[in-house]
PDB file of N, CA and C in Angstrom:
ATOM      1  N   UNK A   1      12.354  -7.476 -24.472  1.00  0.00           N
ATOM      2  CA  UNK A   1      11.266  -6.690 -23.935  1.00  0.00           C
ATOM      3  C   UNK A   1      11.236  -6.839 -22.413  1.00  0.00           C
ATOM      4  N   UNK A   2      11.076  -5.731 -21.712  1.00  0.00           N
ATOM      5  CA  UNK A   2      10.923  -5.724 -20.259  1.00  0.00           C
ATOM      6  C   UNK A   2       9.523  -5.232 -19.946  1.00  0.00           C
ATOM      7  N   UNK A   3       8.776  -6.009 -19.193  1.00  0.00           N
ATOM      8  CA  UNK A   3       7.441  -5.595 -18.752  1.00  0.00           C
ATOM      9  C   UNK A   3       7.525  -5.131 -17.307  1.00  0.00           C
ATOM     10  N   UNK A   4       6.910  -3.995 -17.041  1.00  0.00           N
ATOM     11  CA  UNK A   4       6.926  -3.435 -15.689  1.00  0.00           C
ATOM     12  C   UNK A   4       5.588  -3.695 -15.002  1.00  0.00           C
ATOM     13  N   UNK A   5       5.653  -4.295 -13.851  1.00  0.00           N
ATOM     14  CA  UNK A   5       4.481  -4.539 -13.007  1.00  0.00           C
ATOM     15  C   UNK A   5       4.701  -3.805 -11.699  1.00  0.00           C
ATOM     16  N   UNK A   6       3.628  -3.427 -11.051  1.00  0.00           N
ATOM     17  CA  UNK A   6       3.766  -2.884  -9.703  1.00  0.00           C
ATOM     18  C   UNK A   6       2.505  -3.181  -8.908  1.00  0.00           C
ATOM     19  N   UNK A   7       2.648  -3.036  -7.618  1.00  0.00           N
ATOM     20  CA  UNK A   7       1.520  -3.250  -6.715  1.00  0.00           C
ATOM     21  C   UNK A   7       1.514  -2.151  -5.675  1.00  0.00           C
ATOM     22  N   UNK A   8       0.328  -1.884  -5.172  1.00  0.00           N
ATOM     23  CA  UNK A   8       0.155  -0.931  -4.078  1.00  0.00           C
ATOM     24  C   UNK A   8      -0.687  -1.597  -3.002  1.00  0.00           C
ATOM     25  N   UNK A   9      -0.522  -1.142  -1.784  1.00  0.00           N
ATOM     26  CA  UNK A   9      -1.317  -1.639  -0.663  1.00  0.00           C
ATOM     27  C   UNK A   9      -1.808  -0.434   0.123  1.00  0.00           C
ATOM     28  N   UNK A  10      -3.100  -0.416   0.399  1.00  0.00           N
ATOM     29  CA  UNK A  10      -3.691   0.725   1.107  1.00  0.00           C
ATOM     30  C   UNK A  10      -3.323   0.754   2.589  1.00  0.00           C
ATOM     31  N   UNK A  11      -2.892  -0.362   3.116  1.00  0.00           N
ATOM     32  CA  UNK A  11      -2.546  -0.413   4.539  1.00  0.00           C
ATOM     33  C   UNK A  11      -1.052  -0.164   4.717  1.00  0.00           C
ATOM     34  N   UNK A  12      -0.595  -0.183   5.952  1.00  0.00           N
ATOM     35  CA  UNK A  12       0.827  -0.009   6.252  1.00  0.00           C
ATOM     36  C   UNK A  12       1.605  -1.316   6.163  1.00  0.00           C
ATOM     37  N   UNK A  13       0.912  -2.404   5.873  1.00  0.00           N
ATOM     38  CA  UNK A  13       1.540  -3.716   5.835  1.00  0.00           C
ATOM     39  C   UNK A  13       1.744  -4.162   4.383  1.00  0.00           C
ATOM     40  N   UNK A  14       2.980  -4.204   3.890  1.00  0.00           N
ATOM     41  CA  UNK A  14       3.214  -4.593   2.504  1.00  0.00           C
ATOM     42  C   UNK A  14       2.896  -6.058   2.217  1.00  0.00           C
ATOM     43  N   UNK A  15       2.575  -6.828   3.259  1.00  0.00           N
ATOM     44  CA  UNK A  15       2.219  -8.235   3.063  1.00  0.00           C
ATOM     45  C   UNK A  15       0.711  -8.450   3.001  1.00  0.00           C
ATOM     46  N   UNK A  16      -0.060  -7.383   2.981  1.00  0.00           N
ATOM     47  CA  UNK A  16      -1.520  -7.446   3.013  1.00  0.00           C
ATOM     48  C   UNK A  16      -2.083  -7.725   1.611  1.00  0.00           C
ATOM     49  N   UNK A  17      -2.143  -8.996   1.234  1.00  0.00           N
ATOM     50  CA  UNK A  17      -2.596  -9.378  -0.102  1.00  0.00           C
ATOM     51  C   UNK A  17      -4.035  -8.956  -0.364  1.00  0.00           C
ATOM     52  N   UNK A  18      -4.878  -9.027   0.649  1.00  0.00           N
ATOM     53  CA  UNK A  18      -6.292  -8.679   0.473  1.00  0.00           C
ATOM     54  C   UNK A  18      -6.466  -7.255  -0.060  1.00  0.00           C
ATOM     55  N   UNK A  19      -5.648  -6.328   0.398  1.00  0.00           N
ATOM     56  CA  UNK A  19      -5.756  -4.925  -0.013  1.00  0.00           C
ATOM     57  C   UNK A  19      -4.774  -4.526  -1.112  1.00  0.00           C
ATOM     58  N   UNK A  20      -4.022  -5.470  -1.626  1.00  0.00           N
ATOM     59  CA  UNK A  20      -3.050  -5.161  -2.681  1.00  0.00           C
ATOM     60  C   UNK A  20      -3.755  -5.037  -4.028  1.00  0.00           C
ATOM     61  N   UNK A  21      -3.299  -4.083  -4.835  1.00  0.00           N
ATOM     62  CA  UNK A  21      -3.796  -3.908  -6.201  1.00  0.00           C
ATOM     63  C   UNK A  21      -2.595  -4.037  -7.129  1.00  0.00           C
ATOM     64  N   UNK A  22      -2.744  -4.832  -8.179  1.00  0.00           N
ATOM     65  CA  UNK A  22      -1.657  -5.137  -9.099  1.00  0.00           C
ATOM     66  C   UNK A  22      -1.881  -4.451 -10.442  1.00  0.00           C
ATOM     67  N   UNK A  23      -0.777  -4.023 -11.067  1.00  0.00           N
ATOM     68  CA  UNK A  23      -0.821  -3.286 -12.326  1.00  0.00           C
ATOM     69  C   UNK A  23       0.258  -3.792 -13.276  1.00  0.00           C
ATOM     70  N   UNK A  24       0.003  -3.659 -14.574  1.00  0.00           N
ATOM     71  CA  UNK A  24       1.037  -3.869 -15.594  1.00  0.00           C
ATOM     72  C   UNK A  24       1.100  -2.608 -16.442  1.00  0.00           C
ATOM     73  N   UNK A  25       2.273  -2.008 -16.486  1.00  0.00           N
ATOM     74  CA  UNK A  25       2.470  -0.801 -17.293  1.00  0.00           C
ATOM     75  C   UNK A  25       1.398   0.250 -16.981  1.00  0.00           C
ATOM     76  N   UNK A  26       0.995   0.329 -15.711  1.00  0.00           N
ATOM     77  CA  UNK A  26       0.003   1.307 -15.274  1.00  0.00           C
ATOM     78  C   UNK A  26      -1.438   0.868 -15.421  1.00  0.00           C
ATOM     79  N   UNK A  27      -1.689  -0.263 -16.077  1.00  0.00           N
ATOM     80  CA  UNK A  27      -3.055  -0.775 -16.260  1.00  0.00           C
ATOM     81  C   UNK A  27      -3.408  -1.718 -15.108  1.00  0.00           C
ATOM     82  N   UNK A  28      -4.523  -1.426 -14.468  1.00  0.00           N
ATOM     83  CA  UNK A  28      -4.940  -2.241 -13.327  1.00  0.00           C
ATOM     84  C   UNK A  28      -5.282  -3.660 -13.764  1.00  0.00           C
ATOM     85  N   UNK A  29      -4.694  -4.632 -13.054  1.00  0.00           N
ATOM     86  CA  UNK A  29      -4.962  -6.039 -13.320  1.00  0.00           C
ATOM     87  C   UNK A  29      -5.985  -6.612 -12.354  1.00  0.00           C
ATOM     88  N   UNK A  30      -6.025  -6.098 -11.142  1.00  0.00           N
ATOM     89  CA  UNK A  30      -6.973  -6.602 -10.166  1.00  0.00           C
ATOM     90  C   UNK A  30      -6.468  -6.449  -8.745  1.00  0.00           C
ATOM     91  N   UNK A  31      -7.332  -6.837  -7.823  1.00  0.00           N
ATOM     92  CA  UNK A  31      -7.070  -6.689  -6.390  1.00  0.00           C
ATOM     93  C   UNK A  31      -6.963  -8.061  -5.730  1.00  0.00           C
ATOM     94  N   UNK A  32      -6.155  -8.113  -4.692  1.00  0.00           N
ATOM     95  CA  UNK A  32      -6.052  -9.321  -3.876  1.00  0.00           C
ATOM     96  C   UNK A  32      -5.442 -10.489  -4.640  1.00  0.00           C
ATOM     97  N   UNK A  33      -5.804 -11.684  -4.230  1.00  0.00           N
ATOM     98  CA  UNK A  33      -5.268 -12.901  -4.862  1.00  0.00           C
ATOM     99  C   UNK A  33      -5.651 -12.946  -6.334  1.00  0.00           C
ATOM    100  N   UNK A  34      -6.826 -12.490  -6.673  1.00  0.00           N
ATOM    101  CA  UNK A  34      -7.263 -12.472  -8.072  1.00  0.00           C
ATOM    102  C   UNK A  34      -6.340 -11.569  -8.908  1.00  0.00           C
ATOM    103  N   UNK A  35      -5.965 -10.420  -8.370  1.00  0.00           N
ATOM    104  CA  UNK A  35      -5.047  -9.525  -9.071  1.00  0.00           C
ATOM    105  C   UNK A  35      -3.670 -10.146  -9.241  1.00  0.00           C
ATOM    106  N   UNK A  36      -3.191 -10.818  -8.194  1.00  0.00           N
ATOM    107  CA  UNK A  36      -1.911 -11.518  -8.283  1.00  0.00           C
ATOM    108  C   UNK A  36      -1.977 -12.603  -9.352  1.00  0.00           C
ATOM    109  N   UNK A  37      -3.057 -13.397  -9.326  1.00  0.00           N
ATOM    110  CA  UNK A  37      -3.211 -14.461 -10.322  1.00  0.00           C
ATOM    111  C   UNK A  37      -3.252 -13.890 -11.737  1.00  0.00           C
ATOM    112  N   UNK A  38      -3.870 -12.742 -11.906  1.00  0.00           N
ATOM    113  CA  UNK A  38      -3.918 -12.103 -13.230  1.00  0.00           C
ATOM    114  C   UNK A  38      -2.531 -11.624 -13.650  1.00  0.00           C
ATOM    115  N   UNK A  39      -1.736 -11.140 -12.702  1.00  0.00           N
ATOM    116  CA  UNK A  39      -0.365 -10.741 -13.024  1.00  0.00           C
ATOM    117  C   UNK A  39       0.423 -11.958 -13.508  1.00  0.00           C
ATOM    118  N   UNK A  40       0.299 -13.066 -12.810  1.00  0.00           N
ATOM    119  CA  UNK A  40       0.999 -14.291 -13.195  1.00  0.00           C
ATOM    120  C   UNK A  40       0.520 -14.761 -14.572  1.00  0.00           C
ATOM    121  N   UNK A  41      -0.787 -14.747 -14.802  1.00  0.00           N
ATOM    122  CA  UNK A  41      -1.336 -15.163 -16.096  1.00  0.00           C
ATOM    123  C   UNK A  41      -0.852 -14.240 -17.212  1.00  0.00           C
ATOM    124  N   UNK A  42      -0.763 -12.945 -16.930  1.00  0.00           N
ATOM    125  CA  UNK A  42      -0.293 -11.984 -17.920  1.00  0.00           C
ATOM    126  C   UNK A  42       1.161 -12.271 -18.303  1.00  0.00           C
ATOM    127  N   UNK A  43       1.966 -12.586 -17.319  1.00  0.00           N
ATOM    128  CA  UNK A  43       3.363 -12.936 -17.587  1.00  0.00           C
ATOM    129  C   UNK A  43       3.422 -14.179 -18.471  1.00  0.00           C
ATOM    130  N   UNK A  44       2.587 -15.160 -18.182  1.00  0.00           N
ATOM    131  CA  UNK A  44       2.583 -16.385 -18.980  1.00  0.00           C
ATOM    132  C   UNK A  44       2.097 -16.122 -20.411  1.00  0.00           C
ATOM    133  N   UNK A  45       1.104 -15.263 -20.574  1.00  0.00           N
ATOM    134  CA  UNK A  45       0.583 -14.946 -21.909  1.00  0.00           C
ATOM    135  C   UNK A  45       1.585 -14.156 -22.738  1.00  0.00           C
ATOM    136  N   UNK A  46       2.162 -13.136 -22.125  1.00  0.00           N
ATOM    137  CA  UNK A  46       3.038 -12.217 -22.849  1.00  0.00           C
ATOM    138  C   UNK A  46       4.466 -12.744 -23.001  1.00  0.00           C
ATOM    139  N   UNK A  47       4.902 -13.575 -22.068  1.00  0.00           N
ATOM    140  CA  UNK A  47       6.253 -14.164 -22.071  1.00  0.00           C
ATOM    141  C   UNK A  47       7.349 -13.136 -22.377  1.00  0.00           C
ATOM    142  N   UNK A  48       7.408 -12.052 -21.572  1.00  0.00           N
ATOM    143  CA  UNK A  48       8.460 -11.058 -21.815  1.00  0.00           C
ATOM    144  C   UNK A  48       9.837 -11.632 -21.481  1.00  0.00           C
ATOM    145  N   UNK A  49      10.868 -11.016 -22.022  1.00  0.00           N
ATOM    146  CA  UNK A  49      12.231 -11.458 -21.696  1.00  0.00           C
ATOM    147  C   UNK A  49      12.532 -11.232 -20.222  1.00  0.00           C
ATOM    148  N   UNK A  50      12.068 -10.101 -19.695  1.00  0.00           N
ATOM    149  CA  UNK A  50      12.322  -9.719 -18.308  1.00  0.00           C
ATOM    150  C   UNK A  50      11.083  -9.049 -17.725  1.00  0.00           C
ATOM    151  N   UNK A  51      10.928  -9.178 -16.415  1.00  0.00           N
ATOM    152  CA  UNK A  51       9.890  -8.431 -15.709  1.00  0.00           C
ATOM    153  C   UNK A  51      10.548  -7.671 -14.566  1.00  0.00           C
ATOM    154  N   UNK A  52       9.949  -6.543 -14.274  1.00  0.00           N
ATOM    155  CA  UNK A  52      10.386  -5.703 -13.166  1.00  0.00           C
ATOM    156  C   UNK A  52       9.145  -5.484 -12.320  1.00  0.00           C
ATOM    157  N   UNK A  53       9.140  -5.952 -11.081  1.00  0.00           N
ATOM    158  CA  UNK A  53       7.975  -5.857 -10.205  1.00  0.00           C
ATOM    159  C   UNK A  53       8.332  -4.956  -9.032  1.00  0.00           C
ATOM    160  N   UNK A  54       7.627  -3.853  -8.929  1.00  0.00           N
ATOM    161  CA  UNK A  54       7.883  -2.882  -7.869  1.00  0.00           C
ATOM    162  C   UNK A  54       6.701  -2.807  -6.920  1.00  0.00           C
ATOM    163  N   UNK A  55       6.980  -2.505  -5.671  1.00  0.00           N
ATOM    164  CA  UNK A  55       5.945  -2.263  -4.683  1.00  0.00           C
ATOM    165  C   UNK A  55       6.256  -0.981  -3.953  1.00  0.00           C
ATOM    166  N   UNK A  56       5.319  -0.516  -3.163  1.00  0.00           N
ATOM    167  CA  UNK A  56       5.596   0.772  -2.575  1.00  0.00           C
ATOM    168  C   UNK A  56       5.011   1.074  -1.224  1.00  0.00           C
ATOM    169  N   UNK A  57       5.371   0.355  -0.200  1.00  0.00           N
ATOM    170  CA  UNK A  57       4.930   0.729   1.146  1.00  0.00           C
ATOM    171  C   UNK A  57       6.107   0.755   2.114  1.00  0.00           C
ATOM    172  N   UNK A  58       7.289   0.978   1.599  1.00  0.00           N
ATOM    173  CA  UNK A  58       8.463   0.935   2.454  1.00  0.00           C
ATOM    174  C   UNK A  58       8.789   2.306   3.016  1.00  0.00           C
ATOM    175  N   UNK A  59       9.380   2.289   4.186  1.00  0.00           N
ATOM    176  CA  UNK A  59       9.807   3.539   4.802  1.00  0.00           C
ATOM    177  C   UNK A  59      10.764   3.242   5.926  1.00  0.00           C
ATOM    178  N   UNK A  60      11.439   4.249   6.379  1.00  0.00           N
ATOM    179  CA  UNK A  60      12.394   4.054   7.466  1.00  0.00           C
ATOM    180  C   UNK A  60      11.698   3.906   8.810  1.00  0.00           C
ATOM    181  N   UNK A  61      10.403   4.192   8.847  1.00  0.00           N
ATOM    182  CA  UNK A  61       9.659   4.121  10.107  1.00  0.00           C
ATOM    183  C   UNK A  61       9.067   2.749  10.391  1.00  0.00           C
ATOM    184  N   UNK A  62       9.245   1.793   9.494  1.00  0.00           N
ATOM    185  CA  UNK A  62       8.698   0.464   9.761  1.00  0.00           C
ATOM    186  C   UNK A  62       9.814  -0.574   9.725  1.00  0.00           C
ATOM    187  N   UNK A  63       9.478  -1.782  10.098  1.00  0.00           N
ATOM    188  CA  UNK A  63      10.494  -2.827  10.195  1.00  0.00           C
ATOM    189  C   UNK A  63      10.488  -3.774   8.999  1.00  0.00           C
ATOM    190  N   UNK A  64       9.804  -3.412   7.924  1.00  0.00           N
ATOM    191  CA  UNK A  64       9.731  -4.282   6.761  1.00  0.00           C
ATOM    192  C   UNK A  64      10.971  -4.123   5.888  1.00  0.00           C
ATOM    193  N   UNK A  65      11.386  -5.227   5.305  1.00  0.00           N
ATOM    194  CA  UNK A  65      12.532  -5.168   4.397  1.00  0.00           C
ATOM    195  C   UNK A  65      12.050  -4.752   3.006  1.00  0.00           C
ATOM    196  N   UNK A  66      12.942  -4.264   2.176  1.00  0.00           N
ATOM    197  CA  UNK A  66      12.554  -3.866   0.819  1.00  0.00           C
ATOM    198  C   UNK A  66      12.032  -5.018  -0.031  1.00  0.00           C
ATOM    199  N   UNK A  67      12.266  -6.253   0.386  1.00  0.00           N
ATOM    200  CA  UNK A  67      11.795  -7.388  -0.402  1.00  0.00           C
ATOM    201  C   UNK A  67      10.403  -7.870   0.002  1.00  0.00           C
ATOM    202  N   UNK A  68       9.782  -7.241   0.983  1.00  0.00           N
ATOM    203  CA  UNK A  68       8.433  -7.635   1.394  1.00  0.00           C
ATOM    204  C   UNK A  68       7.455  -7.436   0.241  1.00  0.00           C
ATOM    205  N   UNK A  69       6.555  -8.373   0.080  1.00  0.00           N
ATOM    206  CA  UNK A  69       5.548  -8.289  -0.979  1.00  0.00           C
ATOM    207  C   UNK A  69       4.270  -8.957  -0.500  1.00  0.00           C
ATOM    208  N   UNK A  70       3.116  -8.523  -0.988  1.00  0.00           N
ATOM    209  CA  UNK A  70       1.860  -9.114  -0.530  1.00  0.00           C
ATOM    210  C   UNK A  70       1.669 -10.550  -0.985  1.00  0.00           C
ATOM    211  N   UNK A  71       2.413 -10.992  -1.977  1.00  0.00           N
ATOM    212  CA  UNK A  71       2.248 -12.335  -2.516  1.00  0.00           C
ATOM    213  C   UNK A  71       3.309 -13.305  -2.009  1.00  0.00           C
ATOM    214  N   UNK A  72       3.947 -12.972  -0.877  1.00  0.00           N
ATOM    215  CA  UNK A  72       5.045 -13.799  -0.378  1.00  0.00           C
ATOM    216  C   UNK A  72       4.661 -15.267  -0.241  1.00  0.00           C
ATOM    217  N   UNK A  73       3.413 -15.548   0.133  1.00  0.00           N
ATOM    218  CA  UNK A  73       2.968 -16.938   0.289  1.00  0.00           C
ATOM    219  C   UNK A  73       2.811 -17.641  -1.059  1.00  0.00           C
ATOM    220  N   UNK A  74       2.782 -16.873  -2.136  1.00  0.00           N
ATOM    221  CA  UNK A  74       2.571 -17.422  -3.477  1.00  0.00           C
ATOM    222  C   UNK A  74       3.776 -17.198  -4.381  1.00  0.00           C
ATOM    223  N   UNK A  75       4.920 -16.890  -3.801  1.00  0.00           N
ATOM    224  CA  UNK A  75       6.130 -16.637  -4.578  1.00  0.00           C
ATOM    225  C   UNK A  75       6.469 -17.814  -5.482  1.00  0.00           C
ATOM    226  N   UNK A  76       6.224 -19.039  -5.006  1.00  0.00           N
ATOM    227  CA  UNK A  76       6.530 -20.226  -5.809  1.00  0.00           C
ATOM    228  C   UNK A  76       5.729 -20.242  -7.108  1.00  0.00           C
ATOM    229  N   UNK A  77       4.483 -19.783  -7.065  1.00  0.00           N
ATOM    230  CA  UNK A  77       3.658 -19.732  -8.286  1.00  0.00           C
ATOM    231  C   UNK A  77       4.241 -18.735  -9.279  1.00  0.00           C
ATOM    232  N   UNK A  78       4.697 -17.596  -8.789  1.00  0.00           N
ATOM    233  CA  UNK A  78       5.323 -16.597  -9.658  1.00  0.00           C
ATOM    234  C   UNK A  78       6.620 -17.154 -10.233  1.00  0.00           C
ATOM    235  N   UNK A  79       7.444 -17.755  -9.394  1.00  0.00           N
ATOM    236  CA  UNK A  79       8.711 -18.329  -9.855  1.00  0.00           C
ATOM    237  C   UNK A  79       8.478 -19.399 -10.914  1.00  0.00           C
ATOM    238  N   UNK A  80       7.460 -20.226 -10.719  1.00  0.00           N
ATOM    239  CA  UNK A  80       7.130 -21.277 -11.692  1.00  0.00           C
ATOM    240  C   UNK A  80       6.728 -20.666 -13.033  1.00  0.00           C
ATOM    241  N   UNK A  81       5.875 -19.646 -12.986  1.00  0.00           N
ATOM    242  CA  UNK A  81       5.429 -18.988 -14.218  1.00  0.00           C
ATOM    243  C   UNK A  81       6.602 -18.357 -14.955  1.00  0.00           C
ATOM    244  N   UNK A  82       7.483 -17.690 -14.223  1.00  0.00           N
ATOM    245  CA  UNK A  82       8.655 -17.071 -14.839  1.00  0.00           C
ATOM    246  C   UNK A  82       9.531 -18.128 -15.504  1.00  0.00           C
ATOM    247  N   UNK A  83       9.762 -19.214 -14.808  1.00  0.00           N
ATOM    248  CA  UNK A  83      10.595 -20.286 -15.355  1.00  0.00           C
ATOM    249  C   UNK A  83       9.966 -20.974 -16.555  1.00  0.00           C
ATOM    250  N   UNK A  84       8.651 -21.136 -16.527  1.00  0.00           N
ATOM    251  CA  UNK A  84       7.952 -21.834 -17.610  1.00  0.00           C
ATOM    252  C   UNK A  84       8.051 -21.099 -18.941  1.00  0.00           C
ATOM    253  N   UNK A  85       8.123 -19.776 -18.883  1.00  0.00           N
ATOM    254  CA  UNK A  85       8.210 -19.000 -20.130  1.00  0.00           C
ATOM    255  C   UNK A  85       9.596 -18.403 -20.355  1.00  0.00           C
ATOM    256  N   UNK A  86      10.547 -18.728 -19.472  1.00  0.00           N
ATOM    257  CA  UNK A  86      11.916 -18.252 -19.630  1.00  0.00           C
ATOM    258  C   UNK A  86      12.095 -16.766 -19.379  1.00  0.00           C
ATOM    259  N   UNK A  87      11.305 -16.226 -18.453  1.00  0.00           N
ATOM    260  CA  UNK A  87      11.360 -14.800 -18.139  1.00  0.00           C
ATOM    261  C   UNK A  87      12.234 -14.564 -16.912  1.00  0.00           C
ATOM    262  N   UNK A  88      13.112 -13.596 -17.004  1.00  0.00           N
ATOM    263  CA  UNK A  88      13.976 -13.223 -15.883  1.00  0.00           C
ATOM    264  C   UNK A  88      13.326 -12.104 -15.091  1.00  0.00           C
ATOM    265  N   UNK A  89      13.363 -12.197 -13.766  1.00  0.00           N
ATOM    266  CA  UNK A  89      12.871 -11.105 -12.930  1.00  0.00           C
ATOM    267  C   UNK A  89      14.037 -10.211 -12.555  1.00  0.00           C
ATOM    268  N   UNK A  90      13.903  -8.928 -12.867  1.00  0.00           N
ATOM    269  CA  UNK A  90      14.922  -7.944 -12.510  1.00  0.00           C
ATOM    270  C   UNK A  90      14.622  -7.387 -11.128  1.00  0.00           C
ATOM    271  N   UNK A  91      15.660  -7.123 -10.357  1.00  0.00           N
ATOM    272  CA  UNK A  91      15.532  -6.576  -9.016  1.00  0.00           C
ATOM    273  C   UNK A  91      16.228  -5.222  -8.944  1.00  0.00           C
ATOM    274  N   UNK A  92      15.645  -4.261  -8.229  1.00  0.00           N
ATOM    275  CA  UNK A  92      16.264  -2.928  -8.135  1.00  0.00           C
ATOM    276  C   UNK A  92      17.717  -2.982  -7.674  1.00  0.00           C
ATOM    277  N   UNK A  93      18.029  -3.875  -6.765  1.00  0.00           N
ATOM    278  CA  UNK A  93      19.392  -3.957  -6.246  1.00  0.00           C
ATOM    279  C   UNK A  93      20.405  -4.412  -7.282  1.00  0.00           C
ATOM    280  N   UNK A  94      19.947  -5.015  -8.383  1.00  0.00           N
ATOM    281  CA  UNK A  94      20.870  -5.516  -9.401  1.00  0.00           C
ATOM    282  C   UNK A  94      20.970  -4.587 -10.609  1.00  0.00           C
ATOM    283  N   UNK A  95      20.231  -3.482 -10.581  1.00  0.00           N
ATOM    284  CA  UNK A  95      20.297  -2.527 -11.691  1.00  0.00           C
ATOM    285  C   UNK A  95      21.410  -1.521 -11.443  1.00  0.00           C
ATOM    286  N   UNK A  96      22.108  -1.163 -12.456  1.00  0.00           N
ATOM    287  CA  UNK A  96      23.214  -0.207 -12.318  1.00  0.00           C
ATOM    288  C   UNK A  96      22.976   0.964 -13.235  1.00  0.00           C
TER     289      UNK A  96
END
């Protein structure tokens, strides 16, 4: 099973956790750090084989890399949750 998560940010800064909204399969999980924490908790509860996490504030007009995310300061918490339940994170660059 692959679970799809995504986040949006109302500002031009993809690292803006305060304004980020997180979703699973189109269902809103929450905003800001609380939304991120709910995404992590959902991964731990559901323990999918793989997760795909997409974001969407990239463009050729800014200097952000495609790997920028609002939860960059909390990446270790996400990595820990993924490892604890044996879930692999899929990345767009590795899909063929």
